[in-house]
Amino acid sequence: MTTTTTVRVERTAPSIRAALAEHSPQDCARFEAELRDALSATAADPDLEGVDAALTRWHHRAVVSSNPLTADEQELVRRARSGNAAGLRTRDEHGNWTTL
């Protein structure tokens, strides 16, 4: 088993932008444009739902791109896609984690 360090990304526009710029630069401009559009929409309607949705969507992308799967995790995904769930973890009927 490999020990990894998780990169934490705050759910703020500057933190999301920094993570994308470092780990997924092709997405950084798309994030900025989407956030800018969502913020512009608040001029006509002060509802921040669009801004919140943009931050949530891009925060998830920033976290995933900042924390790529390890070789072991990639192997689990490959096996699961082929129908072999051995090694994956799930919760049992009592809510406890168990390995398949």
N, C-alpha and C. Protein backbone atom coordinates (compact mmCIF):
# COMPACT_ATOMS: atom_id res chain seq x y z
N MET A 1 0.84 -1.17 0.00
CA MET A 1 0.00 0.00 0.00
C MET A 1 0.89 1.24 0.00
N THR A 2 0.52 2.22 -0.81
CA THR A 2 1.28 3.44 -0.94
C THR A 2 0.64 4.53 -0.10
N THR A 3 1.47 5.29 0.61
CA THR A 3 0.97 6.43 1.37
C THR A 3 1.04 7.66 0.48
N THR A 4 -0.04 8.41 0.44
CA THR A 4 -0.07 9.62 -0.38
C THR A 4 -0.42 10.82 0.48
N THR A 5 -0.07 11.97 -0.01
CA THR A 5 -0.43 13.22 0.65
C THR A 5 -1.56 13.86 -0.14
N THR A 6 -2.62 14.22 0.53
CA THR A 6 -3.75 14.84 -0.12
C THR A 6 -3.54 16.35 -0.19
N VAL A 7 -3.75 16.91 -1.38
CA VAL A 7 -3.65 18.35 -1.57
C VAL A 7 -5.02 18.94 -1.27
N ARG A 8 -5.06 19.86 -0.33
CA ARG A 8 -6.33 20.48 0.06
C ARG A 8 -6.55 21.72 -0.80
N VAL A 9 -7.75 21.86 -1.33
CA VAL A 9 -8.12 23.03 -2.13
C VAL A 9 -9.31 23.69 -1.45
N GLU A 10 -9.11 24.92 -0.99
CA GLU A 10 -10.22 25.67 -0.37
C GLU A 10 -11.29 25.93 -1.42
N ARG A 11 -12.53 26.06 -0.98
CA ARG A 11 -13.63 26.34 -1.91
C ARG A 11 -13.81 27.85 -2.05
N THR A 12 -12.74 28.48 -2.53
CA THR A 12 -12.76 29.91 -2.83
C THR A 12 -12.25 30.08 -4.26
N ALA A 13 -12.67 31.15 -4.90
CA ALA A 13 -12.25 31.38 -6.28
C ALA A 13 -10.73 31.45 -6.42
N PRO A 14 -10.00 32.17 -5.56
CA PRO A 14 -8.55 32.21 -5.71
C PRO A 14 -7.88 30.83 -5.53
N SER A 15 -8.36 30.05 -4.57
CA SER A 15 -7.77 28.72 -4.35
C SER A 15 -8.07 27.77 -5.51
N ILE A 16 -9.30 27.81 -5.99
CA ILE A 16 -9.68 26.97 -7.13
C ILE A 16 -8.85 27.36 -8.35
N ARG A 17 -8.73 28.66 -8.61
CA ARG A 17 -7.96 29.13 -9.75
C ARG A 17 -6.50 28.69 -9.64
N ALA A 18 -5.91 28.82 -8.46
CA ALA A 18 -4.51 28.44 -8.27
C ALA A 18 -4.31 26.94 -8.51
N ALA A 19 -5.22 26.13 -8.00
CA ALA A 19 -5.11 24.68 -8.19
C ALA A 19 -5.24 24.31 -9.66
N LEU A 20 -6.20 24.93 -10.34
CA LEU A 20 -6.38 24.64 -11.77
C LEU A 20 -5.18 25.12 -12.57
N ALA A 21 -4.66 26.28 -12.25
CA ALA A 21 -3.50 26.81 -12.97
C ALA A 21 -2.30 25.87 -12.84
N GLU A 22 -2.16 25.27 -11.69
CA GLU A 22 -1.02 24.37 -11.46
C GLU A 22 -1.25 22.97 -12.02
N HIS A 23 -2.43 22.42 -11.83
CA HIS A 23 -2.67 21.01 -12.14
C HIS A 23 -3.51 20.75 -13.39
N SER A 24 -4.24 21.75 -13.84
CA SER A 24 -5.11 21.58 -15.01
C SER A 24 -5.24 22.91 -15.75
N PRO A 25 -4.11 23.41 -16.27
CA PRO A 25 -4.11 24.75 -16.87
C PRO A 25 -5.12 24.93 -18.00
N GLN A 26 -5.44 23.85 -18.72
CA GLN A 26 -6.41 23.95 -19.81
C GLN A 26 -7.80 24.30 -19.28
N ASP A 27 -8.08 24.05 -18.00
CA ASP A 27 -9.38 24.36 -17.41
C ASP A 27 -9.42 25.74 -16.75
N CYS A 28 -8.28 26.34 -16.51
CA CYS A 28 -8.24 27.58 -15.74
C CYS A 28 -9.03 28.70 -16.43
N ALA A 29 -8.83 28.90 -17.72
CA ALA A 29 -9.54 29.97 -18.44
C ALA A 29 -11.04 29.69 -18.49
N ARG A 30 -11.41 28.42 -18.60
CA ARG A 30 -12.84 28.07 -18.61
C ARG A 30 -13.47 28.39 -17.26
N PHE A 31 -12.76 28.10 -16.17
CA PHE A 31 -13.25 28.43 -14.83
C PHE A 31 -13.44 29.93 -14.69
N GLU A 32 -12.42 30.69 -15.08
CA GLU A 32 -12.50 32.14 -14.95
C GLU A 32 -13.67 32.70 -15.74
N ALA A 33 -13.87 32.22 -16.96
CA ALA A 33 -14.97 32.71 -17.80
C ALA A 33 -16.32 32.35 -17.19
N GLU A 34 -16.46 31.10 -16.71
CA GLU A 34 -17.74 30.69 -16.13
C GLU A 34 -18.04 31.47 -14.85
N LEU A 35 -17.03 31.67 -14.04
CA LEU A 35 -17.23 32.43 -12.81
C LEU A 35 -17.57 33.88 -13.12
N ARG A 36 -16.86 34.46 -14.08
CA ARG A 36 -17.14 35.84 -14.48
C ARG A 36 -18.58 35.99 -14.99
N ASP A 37 -19.03 35.02 -15.80
CA ASP A 37 -20.42 35.05 -16.29
C ASP A 37 -21.41 34.96 -15.14
N ALA A 38 -21.13 34.06 -14.19
CA ALA A 38 -22.03 33.89 -13.04
C ALA A 38 -22.07 35.16 -12.19
N LEU A 39 -20.92 35.78 -12.00
CA LEU A 39 -20.88 37.02 -11.22
C LEU A 39 -21.59 38.15 -11.96
N SER A 40 -21.44 38.21 -13.27
CA SER A 40 -22.11 39.26 -14.07
C SER A 40 -23.62 39.12 -13.97
N ALA A 41 -24.10 37.90 -13.92
CA ALA A 41 -25.55 37.67 -13.83
C ALA A 41 -26.13 38.22 -12.55
N THR A 42 -25.30 38.36 -11.51
CA THR A 42 -25.82 38.88 -10.23
C THR A 42 -26.12 40.37 -10.30
N ALA A 43 -25.65 41.07 -11.35
CA ALA A 43 -25.95 42.49 -11.49
C ALA A 43 -27.44 42.69 -11.75
N ALA A 44 -28.04 41.76 -12.51
CA ALA A 44 -29.46 41.86 -12.81
C ALA A 44 -30.32 41.17 -11.76
N ASP A 45 -29.76 40.13 -11.15
CA ASP A 45 -30.50 39.34 -10.15
C ASP A 45 -29.51 38.95 -9.06
N PRO A 46 -29.67 39.46 -7.85
CA PRO A 46 -28.67 39.22 -6.80
C PRO A 46 -28.62 37.79 -6.26
N ASP A 47 -29.34 36.88 -6.88
CA ASP A 47 -29.30 35.48 -6.45
C ASP A 47 -27.91 34.90 -6.77
N LEU A 48 -27.24 34.35 -5.79
CA LEU A 48 -25.89 33.83 -5.96
C LEU A 48 -25.85 32.35 -6.31
N GLU A 49 -27.00 31.78 -6.66
CA GLU A 49 -27.05 30.35 -6.96
C GLU A 49 -26.09 29.98 -8.11
N GLY A 50 -26.02 30.80 -9.13
CA GLY A 50 -25.12 30.53 -10.26
C GLY A 50 -23.66 30.57 -9.85
N VAL A 51 -23.31 31.52 -9.00
CA VAL A 51 -21.94 31.61 -8.50
C VAL A 51 -21.61 30.39 -7.66
N ASP A 52 -22.54 30.03 -6.78
CA ASP A 52 -22.34 28.85 -5.93
C ASP A 52 -22.19 27.59 -6.77
N ALA A 53 -23.02 27.43 -7.79
CA ALA A 53 -22.93 26.25 -8.66
C ALA A 53 -21.59 26.21 -9.39
N ALA A 54 -21.13 27.34 -9.87
CA ALA A 54 -19.84 27.39 -10.57
C ALA A 54 -18.70 27.03 -9.61
N LEU A 55 -18.72 27.60 -8.41
CA LEU A 55 -17.67 27.29 -7.44
C LEU A 55 -17.69 25.80 -7.07
N THR A 56 -18.87 25.24 -6.88
CA THR A 56 -18.98 23.82 -6.52
C THR A 56 -18.44 22.94 -7.64
N ARG A 57 -18.89 23.19 -8.86
CA ARG A 57 -18.45 22.38 -10.00
C ARG A 57 -16.93 22.45 -10.17
N TRP A 58 -16.39 23.65 -10.15
CA TRP A 58 -14.95 23.80 -10.40
C TRP A 58 -14.12 23.40 -9.18
N HIS A 59 -14.67 23.50 -7.99
CA HIS A 59 -13.94 23.02 -6.81
C HIS A 59 -13.71 21.52 -6.93
N HIS A 60 -14.74 20.79 -7.32
CA HIS A 60 -14.60 19.34 -7.50
C HIS A 60 -13.50 19.04 -8.52
N ARG A 61 -13.52 19.76 -9.64
CA ARG A 61 -12.51 19.54 -10.69
C ARG A 61 -11.11 19.86 -10.16
N ALA A 62 -10.99 20.94 -9.40
CA ALA A 62 -9.68 21.34 -8.86
C ALA A 62 -9.15 20.31 -7.88
N VAL A 63 -10.02 19.78 -7.03
CA VAL A 63 -9.60 18.76 -6.05
C VAL A 63 -9.13 17.49 -6.77
N VAL A 64 -9.91 17.05 -7.76
CA VAL A 64 -9.56 15.83 -8.49
C VAL A 64 -8.25 16.02 -9.25
N SER A 65 -8.09 17.15 -9.92
CA SER A 65 -6.86 17.35 -10.69
C SER A 65 -5.65 17.55 -9.78
N SER A 66 -5.86 18.04 -8.57
CA SER A 66 -4.76 18.23 -7.62
C SER A 66 -4.37 16.95 -6.90
N ASN A 67 -5.23 15.95 -6.96
CA ASN A 67 -5.01 14.68 -6.25
C ASN A 67 -5.23 13.51 -7.20
N PRO A 68 -4.32 13.32 -8.16
CA PRO A 68 -4.51 12.23 -9.12
C PRO A 68 -4.47 10.87 -8.43
N LEU A 69 -5.12 9.90 -9.06
CA LEU A 69 -5.14 8.55 -8.50
C LEU A 69 -3.75 7.95 -8.48
N THR A 70 -3.47 7.19 -7.43
CA THR A 70 -2.20 6.46 -7.36
C THR A 70 -2.27 5.29 -8.34
N ALA A 71 -1.14 4.65 -8.56
CA ALA A 71 -1.11 3.47 -9.44
C ALA A 71 -2.03 2.38 -8.90
N ASP A 72 -2.04 2.18 -7.58
CA ASP A 72 -2.92 1.18 -6.98
C ASP A 72 -4.39 1.52 -7.21
N GLU A 73 -4.75 2.80 -7.06
CA GLU A 73 -6.13 3.22 -7.28
C GLU A 73 -6.52 3.08 -8.76
N GLN A 74 -5.61 3.43 -9.64
CA GLN A 74 -5.87 3.26 -11.07
C GLN A 74 -6.12 1.79 -11.41
N GLU A 75 -5.36 0.90 -10.79
CA GLU A 75 -5.55 -0.53 -11.01
C GLU A 75 -6.92 -0.99 -10.50
N LEU A 76 -7.35 -0.49 -9.33
CA LEU A 76 -8.68 -0.82 -8.81
C LEU A 76 -9.77 -0.36 -9.78
N VAL A 77 -9.62 0.84 -10.32
CA VAL A 77 -10.60 1.35 -11.27
C VAL A 77 -10.62 0.49 -12.53
N ARG A 78 -9.44 0.13 -13.03
CA ARG A 78 -9.36 -0.71 -14.23
C ARG A 78 -10.06 -2.04 -14.00
N ARG A 79 -9.80 -2.67 -12.84
CA ARG A 79 -10.43 -3.95 -12.53
C ARG A 79 -11.94 -3.79 -12.36
N ALA A 80 -12.37 -2.74 -11.69
CA ALA A 80 -13.80 -2.51 -11.48
C ALA A 80 -14.52 -2.33 -12.82
N ARG A 81 -13.89 -1.59 -13.72
CA ARG A 81 -14.51 -1.39 -15.04
C ARG A 81 -14.62 -2.70 -15.82
N SER A 82 -13.74 -3.65 -15.51
CA SER A 82 -13.82 -4.94 -16.20
C SER A 82 -14.75 -5.91 -15.48
N GLY A 83 -15.36 -5.45 -14.36
CA GLY A 83 -16.33 -6.27 -13.64
C GLY A 83 -15.81 -6.92 -12.38
N ASN A 84 -14.55 -6.68 -12.04
CA ASN A 84 -13.95 -7.28 -10.85
C ASN A 84 -13.92 -6.22 -9.74
N ALA A 85 -14.77 -6.38 -8.71
CA ALA A 85 -14.86 -5.40 -7.62
C ALA A 85 -13.94 -5.73 -6.44
N ALA A 86 -13.14 -6.79 -6.55
CA ALA A 86 -12.25 -7.19 -5.45
C ALA A 86 -11.32 -6.04 -5.07
N GLY A 87 -11.25 -5.75 -3.78
CA GLY A 87 -10.38 -4.70 -3.28
C GLY A 87 -11.08 -3.37 -3.08
N LEU A 88 -12.25 -3.19 -3.66
CA LEU A 88 -12.99 -1.95 -3.46
C LEU A 88 -13.63 -1.95 -2.07
N ARG A 89 -13.85 -0.75 -1.55
CA ARG A 89 -14.46 -0.64 -0.22
C ARG A 89 -15.87 -0.13 -0.36
N THR A 90 -16.74 -0.63 0.52
CA THR A 90 -18.14 -0.23 0.53
C THR A 90 -18.63 -0.27 1.97
N ARG A 91 -19.78 0.26 2.19
CA ARG A 91 -20.37 0.20 3.53
C ARG A 91 -21.33 -0.98 3.61
N ASP A 92 -21.31 -1.66 4.76
CA ASP A 92 -22.23 -2.78 4.96
C ASP A 92 -23.57 -2.24 5.47
N GLU A 93 -24.48 -3.14 5.81
CA GLU A 93 -25.82 -2.74 6.23
C GLU A 93 -25.84 -1.94 7.54
N HIS A 94 -24.71 -1.95 8.28
CA HIS A 94 -24.62 -1.20 9.54
C HIS A 94 -23.84 0.11 9.36
N GLY A 95 -23.42 0.39 8.13
CA GLY A 95 -22.68 1.62 7.87
C GLY A 95 -21.19 1.49 8.08
N ASN A 96 -20.71 0.29 8.35
CA ASN A 96 -19.27 0.09 8.54
C ASN A 96 -18.59 -0.17 7.19
N TRP A 97 -17.35 0.27 7.07
CA TRP A 97 -16.60 0.04 5.84
C TRP A 97 -16.12 -1.41 5.78
N THR A 98 -16.20 -1.98 4.59
CA THR A 98 -15.73 -3.35 4.37
C THR A 98 -15.08 -3.41 3.00
N THR A 99 -14.11 -4.28 2.85
CA THR A 99 -13.43 -4.48 1.58
C THR A 99 -14.05 -5.65 0.85
N LEU A 100 -14.37 -5.45 -0.41
CA LEU A 100 -14.96 -6.51 -1.22
C LEU A 100 -13.90 -7.52 -1.63
